[in-house]
C-alpha cells in the first residue's frame, strides 16, 4: 500500500485558491478513479473535483467555507501497490449523509401506506367528540374539515349545516375556535459559502465601484404578443412555447449596432473599455444555489428559434448545476427578467465588468390613450442600468428608446436597415 497526495489543482485564469463548498466523500471512504470527491468554488464558477486515483480516503483538507491554496494538499488516499483499490459497495445515503437502516426503511414504508387506510377512522374519532348529524359529518369529512374546530350554534353546542357551510365558505367568523399563537424562538446561522458568497462579493463590488444610472421606459408589446402567439401556434405540439426573451435579445442585437458603447466591458487593470463586435448575452437565471448568468454566445449570428433554444439550454444547465465554466463567463451585456414576478419597475445591478444590463418587467393589459381614444393595450416596462462612467445618460436613454421602437414594431427586428 502507498499514500497518494492530491493537491488543489490550478483551475485557470489566475486562480490562486478555491473555496471548499462540499465534500462528496469522508475519511475512510473508498473511491474509484474519476469519482467526484468535492465541489469547490472559484471567483468564476463551481467546479467538481474528480478523484485522480482509486483508493481509500485517509485525510481531507478544509471544511465547507474554507479557502485552500492552489498547490496545497487537498486530499490523501491510500492506494494499492498497483495504483488502484477496488471499493466496497457503499450503501445508499440520504440527504443527511447517513445510510437508512432497514428498520427505518420499513417504518417509512408503513407510514407511507397508512394515511389512505386510516384517514376515515381518524376523522370519525375526531367527529365523535362533537354533536352533528350524520349528513354534516359526511360533508365535513369530504371537505376535510375537523368538526372539533367549530363552535356549534345549535342546542347544546350542536353543529348545524349552516355552521359547517360558513367554515367551508371562509365565513366562519366567531364560529371557529381561535387559533392559539405561540412565540417562536431560536436563530438559524447560515454560513455564506459557495455561490452565495460569490454573489455577495460581486454585488457589493458592483454597487460600491459602479455609479449606476437607472432608466425605465414602458413599451407597448401588443403587436409583439400577437407575433409571439402566431409563432407559438406554428410550433410542434411537444415544443416549448416562445417567451419574450428571444424577441428581446434579437432586438437588442440590432440596437447595439448603433450603440456599441453599451456592448462593452471595462478592463480596470489596463484602464480600457473593450467594445465587442460580437454580442454575448448573459441570461440572469435564478437557480437553487442563487443567481447565475449563463451566456448565449454570438447572439448576433443566431435566428429567433436558435436564440430561444440556446436561452433554454444555458438556463437549464445553470439551474441543474451542469453549466461549464466557459458557459458562465464572457458576457458583454446581460438581460434579466423576473417573468411573472416582474413587477412594475426594478433597478438591476450591473454584471461587472459589463457596462449595461436590460431588465424586463411583467407584461399586463392596461387602458391607454391611443390616437385620442382609450384602448386596451399590453404594456411591459424595461428597467435598465448603465455604468455612468462610460455610458452617458443621453446614450442610455437613446438605446432604450431604439429598443422600444423595435419591440413595438416587431417586424423591424427582422428587417435589415
Protein backbone atom coordinates (compact mmCIF):
# COMPACT_ATOMS: atom_id res chain seq x y z
CA UNK A 1 0.00 0.00 0.00
CA UNK A 2 1.14 3.55 -0.64
CA UNK A 3 -0.06 7.10 0.14
CA UNK A 4 -1.13 9.35 -2.72
CA UNK A 5 -1.43 13.09 -2.03
CA UNK A 6 -3.66 15.13 -4.34
CA UNK A 7 -3.15 18.90 -4.31
CA UNK A 8 -5.60 21.65 -5.17
CA UNK A 9 -5.30 21.91 -8.97
CA UNK A 10 -4.80 25.12 -10.94
CA UNK A 11 -8.32 25.96 -12.11
CA UNK A 12 -7.18 28.56 -14.61
CA UNK A 13 -7.49 32.33 -15.18
CA UNK A 14 -5.10 33.29 -12.41
CA UNK A 15 -6.88 31.36 -9.66
CA UNK A 16 -4.67 31.20 -6.55
CA UNK A 17 -7.14 29.48 -4.23
CA UNK A 18 -10.58 27.92 -4.19
CA UNK A 19 -13.30 27.63 -1.58
CA UNK A 20 -14.42 24.20 -0.41
CA UNK A 21 -18.19 24.11 -0.98
CA UNK A 22 -18.96 20.45 -0.29
CA UNK A 23 -17.10 17.21 0.28
CA UNK A 24 -18.68 14.25 -1.51
CA UNK A 25 -16.53 11.80 0.47
CA UNK A 26 -15.19 11.48 4.01
CA UNK A 27 -12.18 9.89 5.67
CA UNK A 28 -12.47 6.11 5.44
CA UNK A 29 -14.49 6.07 2.22
CA UNK A 30 -13.20 4.00 -0.68
CA UNK A 31 -13.49 5.72 -4.04
CA UNK A 32 -12.85 4.94 -7.66
CA UNK A 33 -10.78 6.97 -10.07
CA UNK A 34 -12.81 9.83 -11.65
CA UNK A 35 -15.46 9.67 -8.92
CA UNK A 36 -16.47 13.19 -7.84
CA UNK A 37 -14.93 13.81 -4.42
CA UNK A 38 -15.55 17.53 -3.84
CA UNK A 39 -17.10 20.71 -5.17
CA UNK A 40 -15.05 23.89 -4.94
CA UNK A 41 -15.79 27.46 -5.91
CA UNK A 42 -13.53 29.94 -7.65
CA UNK A 43 -14.40 33.57 -8.31
CA UNK A 44 -15.85 32.43 -11.63
CA UNK A 45 -17.72 29.16 -11.15
CA UNK A 46 -18.32 26.00 -9.15
CA UNK A 47 -16.00 23.17 -10.13
CA UNK A 48 -16.39 19.46 -9.38
CA UNK A 49 -13.13 17.70 -8.49
CA UNK A 50 -12.77 14.05 -9.57
CA UNK A 51 -10.58 11.51 -7.77
CA UNK A 52 -7.20 11.14 -9.53
CA UNK A 53 -6.81 7.52 -8.35
CA UNK A 54 -8.77 4.70 -6.78
CA UNK A 55 -8.20 4.14 -3.09
CA UNK A 56 -9.26 4.83 0.48
CA UNK A 57 -9.52 8.41 1.76
CA UNK A 58 -7.12 8.92 4.67
CA UNK A 59 -7.27 12.71 5.08
CA UNK A 60 -9.02 15.78 3.69
CA UNK A 61 -8.12 19.46 3.97
CA UNK A 62 -10.66 22.16 4.76
CA UNK A 63 -14.31 22.21 5.67
CA UNK A 64 -17.08 23.95 3.67
CA UNK A 65 -16.30 27.66 3.52
CA UNK A 66 -12.52 27.26 3.90
CA UNK A 67 -10.15 28.54 1.22
CA UNK A 68 -7.45 26.12 0.00
CA UNK A 69 -4.48 27.49 -1.95
CA UNK A 70 -3.62 26.08 -5.35
CA UNK A 71 -0.80 23.56 -4.86
CA UNK A 72 -1.73 22.81 -1.23
CA UNK A 73 -2.74 19.33 -0.13
CA UNK A 74 -6.45 18.79 -0.70
CA UNK A 75 -6.95 15.08 -0.08
CA UNK A 76 -4.82 11.99 0.51
CA UNK A 77 -5.54 8.40 -0.48
CA UNK A 78 -4.18 5.03 0.49
CA UNK A 79 -3.77 3.06 -2.70
CA UNK A 80 -2.72 -0.48 -3.54
CA UNK A 81 0.72 -1.08 -4.97
CA UNK A 82 -0.83 -1.31 -8.41
CA UNK A 83 -2.17 2.24 -8.00
CA UNK A 84 -5.82 1.29 -7.57
CA UNK A 85 -8.04 -0.12 -4.88
CA UNK A 86 -11.44 -1.63 -5.52
CA UNK A 87 -14.05 -0.11 -3.18
CA UNK A 88 -16.68 -1.99 -1.26
CA UNK A 89 -20.23 -1.18 -2.37
CA UNK A 90 -21.44 1.89 -0.45
CA UNK A 91 -24.97 2.00 0.98
CA UNK A 92 -27.38 4.49 -0.47
CA UNK A 93 -27.30 7.70 1.58
CA UNK A 94 -29.98 10.17 2.44
CA UNK A 95 -29.64 13.97 2.37
CA UNK A 96 -28.00 13.96 5.79
CA UNK A 97 -25.29 11.61 4.59
CA UNK A 98 -26.38 8.60 6.69
CA UNK A 99 -27.45 5.22 5.35
CA UNK A 100 -31.04 4.45 6.37
CA UNK A 101 -31.43 1.32 8.50
CA UNK A 102 -33.74 -1.46 7.37
CA UNK A 103 -35.96 -0.80 10.37
CA UNK A 104 -36.27 2.88 9.50
CA UNK A 105 -36.94 1.99 5.88
CA UNK A 106 -39.66 -0.40 6.94
CA UNK A 107 -41.23 2.20 9.18
CA UNK A 108 -41.14 4.74 6.39
CA UNK A 109 -42.81 2.25 4.05
CA UNK A 110 -45.54 1.53 6.56
CA UNK A 111 -46.08 5.23 7.26
CA UNK A 112 -46.47 5.94 3.56
CA UNK A 113 -49.20 3.35 3.26
CA UNK A 114 -51.02 4.26 6.47
CA UNK A 115 -52.78 7.57 5.67
CA UNK A 116 -55.07 6.19 2.98
CA UNK A 117 -56.22 3.33 5.21
CA UNK A 118 -56.58 5.23 8.49
CA UNK A 119 -57.85 8.68 7.48
CA UNK A 120 -61.57 7.81 7.69
CA UNK A 121 -61.12 6.25 11.14
CA UNK A 122 -59.26 9.32 12.39
CA UNK A 123 -61.97 11.62 11.06
CA UNK A 124 -64.69 9.53 12.74
CA UNK A 125 -62.84 9.57 16.03
CA UNK A 126 -62.46 13.33 15.88
CA UNK A 127 -66.04 13.94 14.88
CA UNK A 128 -67.31 11.66 17.68
CA UNK A 129 -66.35 14.33 20.23
CA UNK A 130 -68.86 16.83 18.85
CA UNK A 131 -72.60 16.86 18.16
CA UNK A 132 -73.57 16.85 14.49
CA UNK A 133 -75.88 14.97 12.17
CA UNK A 134 -74.53 12.10 10.03
CA UNK A 135 -75.01 14.22 6.91
CA UNK A 136 -72.97 17.05 8.43
CA UNK A 137 -70.24 14.61 9.46
CA UNK A 138 -70.05 13.16 5.94
CA UNK A 139 -69.86 16.61 4.38
CA UNK A 140 -67.15 17.67 6.84
CA UNK A 141 -65.12 14.56 6.02
CA UNK A 142 -65.39 15.20 2.27
CA UNK A 143 -64.40 18.86 2.76
CA UNK A 144 -61.51 17.98 5.05
CA UNK A 145 -62.92 19.99 7.95
CA UNK A 146 -62.34 18.86 11.54
CA UNK A 147 -65.67 19.38 13.31
CA UNK A 148 -63.85 19.74 16.63
CA UNK A 149 -62.57 23.13 15.45
CA UNK A 150 -66.11 24.56 15.11
CA UNK A 151 -68.26 26.02 17.89
CA UNK A 152 -71.78 24.86 17.14
CA UNK A 153 -74.62 27.36 17.35
CA UNK A 154 -77.37 24.74 17.76
CA UNK A 155 -78.91 23.41 21.00
CA UNK A 156 -76.25 22.08 23.38
CA UNK A 157 -73.49 23.23 21.01
CA UNK A 158 -74.73 21.06 18.14
CA UNK A 159 -73.03 21.89 14.81
CA UNK A 160 -75.61 22.76 12.19
CA UNK A 161 -75.27 22.53 8.43
CA UNK A 162 -75.07 26.33 8.34
CA UNK A 163 -72.13 26.31 10.80
CA UNK A 164 -70.23 23.94 8.54
CA UNK A 165 -71.12 25.86 5.37
CA UNK A 166 -69.83 29.11 6.85
CA UNK A 167 -66.49 27.46 7.63
CA UNK A 168 -66.19 25.93 4.17
CA UNK A 169 -67.04 29.26 2.57
CA UNK A 170 -64.48 31.05 4.71
CA UNK A 171 -67.20 32.99 6.55
CA UNK A 172 -66.98 31.27 9.90
CA UNK A 173 -66.29 34.43 11.92
CA UNK A 174 -66.63 33.76 15.59
CA UNK A 175 -67.96 30.24 14.97
CA UNK A 176 -64.41 28.99 14.54
CA UNK A 177 -62.29 28.45 17.61
CA UNK A 178 -59.43 30.97 17.72
CA UNK A 179 -56.06 29.56 16.74
CA UNK A 180 -53.56 29.70 19.55
CA UNK A 181 -50.42 31.71 18.82
CA UNK A 182 -47.03 30.60 20.11
CA UNK A 183 -43.96 32.80 20.23
CA UNK A 184 -41.11 31.27 18.26
CA UNK A 185 -37.52 31.32 19.46
CA UNK A 186 -34.14 30.48 18.03
CA UNK A 187 -31.85 31.84 15.31
CA UNK A 188 -30.56 29.79 12.40
CA UNK A 189 -26.94 30.52 11.49
CA UNK A 190 -26.18 30.07 7.79
CA UNK A 191 -22.58 30.29 6.66
CA UNK A 192 -22.11 32.35 3.50
CA UNK A 193 -20.24 29.97 1.20
CA UNK A 194 -20.12 28.83 -2.38
CA UNK A 195 -22.24 30.56 -4.98
CA UNK A 196 -23.93 32.76 -2.37
CA UNK A 197 -20.54 34.08 -1.21
CA UNK A 198 -19.52 34.91 -4.78
CA UNK A 199 -22.87 36.62 -5.42
CA UNK A 200 -22.49 38.70 -2.25
CA UNK A 201 -18.95 39.76 -3.14
CA UNK A 202 -19.80 40.65 -6.74
CA UNK A 203 -22.96 42.56 -5.89
CA UNK A 204 -21.14 44.53 -3.21
CA UNK A 205 -18.27 45.33 -5.56
CA UNK A 206 -20.65 46.34 -8.37
CA UNK A 207 -22.66 48.73 -6.19
CA UNK A 208 -19.53 50.09 -4.49
CA UNK A 209 -17.49 50.69 -7.64
CA UNK A 210 -20.04 51.40 -10.37
CA UNK A 211 -22.13 54.60 -10.44
CA UNK A 212 -25.40 53.09 -11.64
CA UNK A 213 -27.67 55.12 -13.90
CA UNK A 214 -31.19 53.65 -14.00
CA UNK A 215 -33.64 54.23 -16.84
CA UNK A 216 -37.22 52.89 -17.00
CA UNK A 217 -39.44 53.02 -20.08
CA UNK A 218 -42.80 51.44 -20.84
CA UNK A 219 -43.24 49.51 -24.07
CA UNK A 220 -46.47 48.63 -25.90
CA UNK A 221 -45.93 44.96 -26.76
CA UNK A 222 -49.41 44.33 -28.15
CA UNK A 223 -48.10 43.62 -31.65
CA UNK A 224 -45.20 41.60 -30.24
CA UNK A 225 -47.66 39.47 -28.26
CA UNK A 226 -49.66 38.79 -31.44
CA UNK A 227 -46.48 37.75 -33.24
CA UNK A 228 -45.41 35.57 -30.30
CA UNK A 229 -48.77 33.79 -30.25
CA UNK A 230 -48.62 33.26 -34.00
CA UNK A 231 -45.11 31.80 -33.80
CA UNK A 232 -46.18 29.51 -30.96
CA UNK A 233 -49.21 28.32 -32.93
CA UNK A 234 -46.88 27.03 -35.64
CA UNK A 235 -44.60 25.10 -33.28
CA UNK A 236 -44.84 21.30 -32.98
CA UNK A 237 -47.07 20.17 -30.12
CA UNK A 238 -44.20 18.99 -27.94
CA UNK A 239 -42.12 22.13 -28.49
CA UNK A 240 -41.81 24.61 -25.61
CA UNK A 241 -43.54 27.95 -26.08
CA UNK A 242 -41.63 31.01 -27.20
CA UNK A 243 -41.25 33.66 -24.49
CA UNK A 244 -40.50 37.36 -24.91
CA UNK A 245 -36.79 36.86 -24.24
CA UNK A 246 -35.73 35.61 -27.71
CA UNK A 247 -37.50 38.59 -29.33
CA UNK A 248 -35.90 40.97 -26.84
CA UNK A 249 -32.41 39.56 -27.45
CA UNK A 250 -32.93 39.66 -31.23
CA UNK A 251 -34.00 43.30 -31.00
CA UNK A 252 -31.14 44.14 -28.63
CA UNK A 253 -28.60 42.73 -31.09
CA UNK A 254 -29.89 45.07 -33.80
CA UNK A 255 -29.91 48.10 -31.47
CA UNK A 256 -26.35 47.53 -30.24
CA UNK A 257 -25.09 48.04 -33.79
CA UNK A 258 -25.89 51.73 -33.23
CA UNK A 259 -24.82 51.80 -29.57
CA UNK A 260 -21.57 49.82 -29.34
CA UNK A 261 -20.62 51.68 -26.14
CA UNK A 262 -23.29 49.61 -24.35
CA UNK A 263 -21.91 46.28 -25.60
CA UNK A 264 -18.65 46.63 -23.75
CA UNK A 265 -16.67 45.58 -20.68
CA UNK A 266 -14.32 47.61 -18.52
CA UNK A 267 -10.79 46.28 -18.05
CA UNK A 268 -9.88 48.00 -14.79
CA UNK A 269 -6.30 46.68 -14.69
CA UNK A 270 -5.45 48.22 -18.06
CA UNK A 271 -7.93 51.11 -17.74
CA UNK A 272 -9.53 50.21 -21.07
CA UNK A 273 -13.07 49.91 -22.40
CA UNK A 274 -13.34 46.88 -24.66
CA UNK A 275 -16.13 47.32 -27.20
CA UNK A 276 -17.06 43.93 -28.66
CA UNK A 277 -18.27 43.31 -32.18
CA UNK A 278 -19.82 40.01 -31.04
CA UNK A 279 -22.84 40.13 -28.74
CA UNK A 280 -22.50 37.58 -25.96
CA UNK A 281 -25.70 37.94 -23.93
CA UNK A 282 -25.76 36.96 -20.28
CA UNK A 283 -29.12 35.50 -19.19
CA UNK A 284 -29.66 36.16 -15.48
CA UNK A 285 -31.06 32.88 -14.14
CA UNK A 286 -32.41 32.05 -10.71
CA UNK A 287 -31.15 28.65 -9.51
CA UNK A 288 -31.42 26.68 -6.26
CA UNK A 289 -27.90 27.92 -5.44
CA UNK A 290 -28.65 31.56 -6.23
CA UNK A 291 -28.35 33.87 -9.22
CA UNK A 292 -26.18 32.69 -12.12
CA UNK A 293 -25.57 34.28 -15.51
CA UNK A 294 -25.01 31.71 -18.28
CA UNK A 295 -24.05 33.15 -21.64
CA UNK A 296 -25.63 32.93 -25.10
CA UNK A 297 -22.62 33.42 -27.34
CA UNK A 298 -22.76 35.19 -30.70
CA UNK A 299 -26.41 36.16 -30.40
CA UNK A 300 -25.88 38.32 -33.48
CA UNK A 301 -25.41 35.18 -35.61
CA UNK A 302 -28.49 33.28 -34.37
CA UNK A 303 -32.02 33.01 -35.72
CA UNK A 304 -35.03 33.60 -33.47
CA UNK A 305 -35.61 29.89 -32.89
CA UNK A 306 -31.92 29.29 -32.33
CA UNK A 307 -31.87 32.07 -29.72
CA UNK A 308 -34.88 30.55 -27.96
CA UNK A 309 -33.29 27.09 -27.89
CA UNK A 310 -29.94 28.37 -26.65
CA UNK A 311 -31.53 30.54 -23.93
CA UNK A 312 -33.41 27.46 -22.68
CA UNK A 313 -30.31 25.28 -22.87
CA UNK A 314 -27.92 27.50 -20.94
CA UNK A 315 -30.58 28.47 -18.38
CA UNK A 316 -31.40 24.84 -17.66
CA UNK A 317 -27.69 23.98 -17.46
CA UNK A 318 -27.27 26.71 -14.84
CA UNK A 319 -30.33 25.59 -12.84
CA UNK A 320 -29.22 21.95 -12.82
CA UNK A 321 -25.63 22.94 -11.93
CA UNK A 322 -24.35 21.45 -15.20
CA UNK A 323 -23.14 24.68 -16.80
CA UNK A 324 -19.45 24.60 -17.65
CA UNK A 325 -17.03 27.29 -16.57
CA UNK A 326 -16.93 28.61 -20.14
CA UNK A 327 -20.73 28.91 -20.22
CA UNK A 328 -20.71 31.21 -17.18
CA UNK A 329 -18.12 33.77 -18.30
CA UNK A 330 -17.51 36.17 -21.17
CA UNK A 331 -20.83 38.01 -21.50
CA UNK A 332 -20.78 41.53 -22.95
CA UNK A 333 -24.28 42.63 -21.86
CA UNK A 334 -26.86 40.99 -19.61
CA UNK A 335 -30.64 40.60 -19.78
CA UNK A 336 -32.57 39.93 -16.59
CA UNK A 337 -36.24 39.04 -16.22
CA UNK A 338 -38.37 38.09 -13.25
CA UNK A 339 -41.03 36.64 -15.53
CA UNK A 340 -44.50 36.70 -13.96
CA UNK A 341 -42.97 38.27 -10.83
CA UNK A 342 -41.58 41.12 -12.90
CA UNK A 343 -43.46 43.90 -11.11
CA UNK A 344 -43.81 47.43 -12.44
CA UNK A 345 -40.15 48.52 -12.31
CA UNK A 346 -36.83 47.32 -10.92
CA UNK A 347 -33.25 48.54 -10.57
CA UNK A 348 -31.00 45.71 -11.77
CA UNK A 349 -27.37 45.61 -10.65
CA UNK A 350 -24.81 45.65 -13.46
CA UNK A 351 -23.00 42.37 -14.07
CA UNK A 352 -19.45 43.73 -13.84
CA UNK A 353 -17.25 44.20 -15.81
CA UNK A 354 -20.08 44.89 -18.26
CA UNK A 355 -21.44 48.44 -18.54
CA UNK A 356 -25.14 47.76 -19.18
CA UNK A 357 -27.96 45.47 -18.12
CA UNK A 358 -31.51 45.38 -19.52
CA UNK A 359 -34.31 44.35 -17.16
CA UNK A 360 -37.70 43.03 -18.25
CA UNK A 361 -40.81 43.57 -16.13
CA UNK A 362 -44.21 41.93 -16.27
CA UNK A 363 -46.42 42.48 -19.33
CA UNK A 364 -50.02 43.36 -18.43
CA UNK A 365 -53.06 44.68 -20.25
CA UNK A 366 -53.84 48.30 -19.35
CA UNK A 367 -56.14 51.04 -20.63
CA UNK A 368 -54.09 53.61 -22.53
CA UNK A 369 -54.83 56.52 -24.82
CA UNK A 370 -54.23 55.70 -28.50
CA UNK A 371 -54.98 58.39 -31.10
CA UNK A 372 -57.19 60.24 -28.65
CA UNK A 373 -59.24 57.20 -27.62
CA UNK A 374 -58.93 54.78 -24.72
CA UNK A 375 -57.83 51.32 -25.79
CA UNK A 376 -56.68 48.17 -24.01
CA UNK A 377 -53.02 47.50 -24.82
CA UNK A 378 -50.41 45.11 -23.50
CA UNK A 379 -47.75 47.13 -21.69
CA UNK A 380 -44.35 45.99 -20.43
CA UNK A 381 -41.69 48.10 -18.72
CA UNK A 382 -37.97 47.90 -19.42
CA UNK A 383 -35.86 48.72 -16.33
CA UNK A 384 -32.21 49.09 -17.22
CA UNK A 385 -28.98 50.18 -15.56
CA UNK A 386 -25.81 51.62 -17.08
CA UNK A 387 -22.30 52.38 -15.85
CA UNK A 388 -22.43 56.17 -15.84
CA UNK A 389 -18.63 56.39 -16.07
CA UNK A 390 -18.70 55.09 -19.63
CA UNK A 391 -22.30 55.43 -20.85
CA UNK A 392 -23.78 58.92 -20.84
CA UNK A 393 -27.40 59.35 -19.80
CA UNK A 394 -28.38 60.57 -23.26
CA UNK A 395 -26.90 57.48 -24.94
CA UNK A 396 -28.51 55.14 -22.39
CA UNK A 397 -31.94 56.71 -22.97
CA UNK A 398 -31.47 56.69 -26.74
CA UNK A 399 -30.56 52.99 -26.69
CA UNK A 400 -33.66 52.03 -24.71
CA UNK A 401 -35.83 54.19 -26.98
CA UNK A 402 -34.41 52.40 -30.02
CA UNK A 403 -35.09 49.06 -28.34
CA UNK A 404 -38.65 50.20 -27.53
CA UNK A 405 -39.23 51.08 -31.18
CA UNK A 406 -38.12 47.65 -32.37
CA UNK A 407 -40.30 45.84 -29.82
CA UNK A 408 -43.36 47.96 -30.56
CA UNK A 409 -42.94 47.29 -34.30
CA UNK A 410 -41.54 43.73 -34.17
CA UNK A 411 -41.26 43.38 -37.95
CA UNK A 412 -38.32 45.82 -37.77
CA UNK A 413 -36.40 43.27 -35.71
CA UNK A 414 -36.06 41.17 -38.85
CA UNK A 415 -35.60 43.92 -41.43
CA UNK A 416 -32.04 44.83 -42.35
CA UNK A 417 -31.60 48.60 -42.19
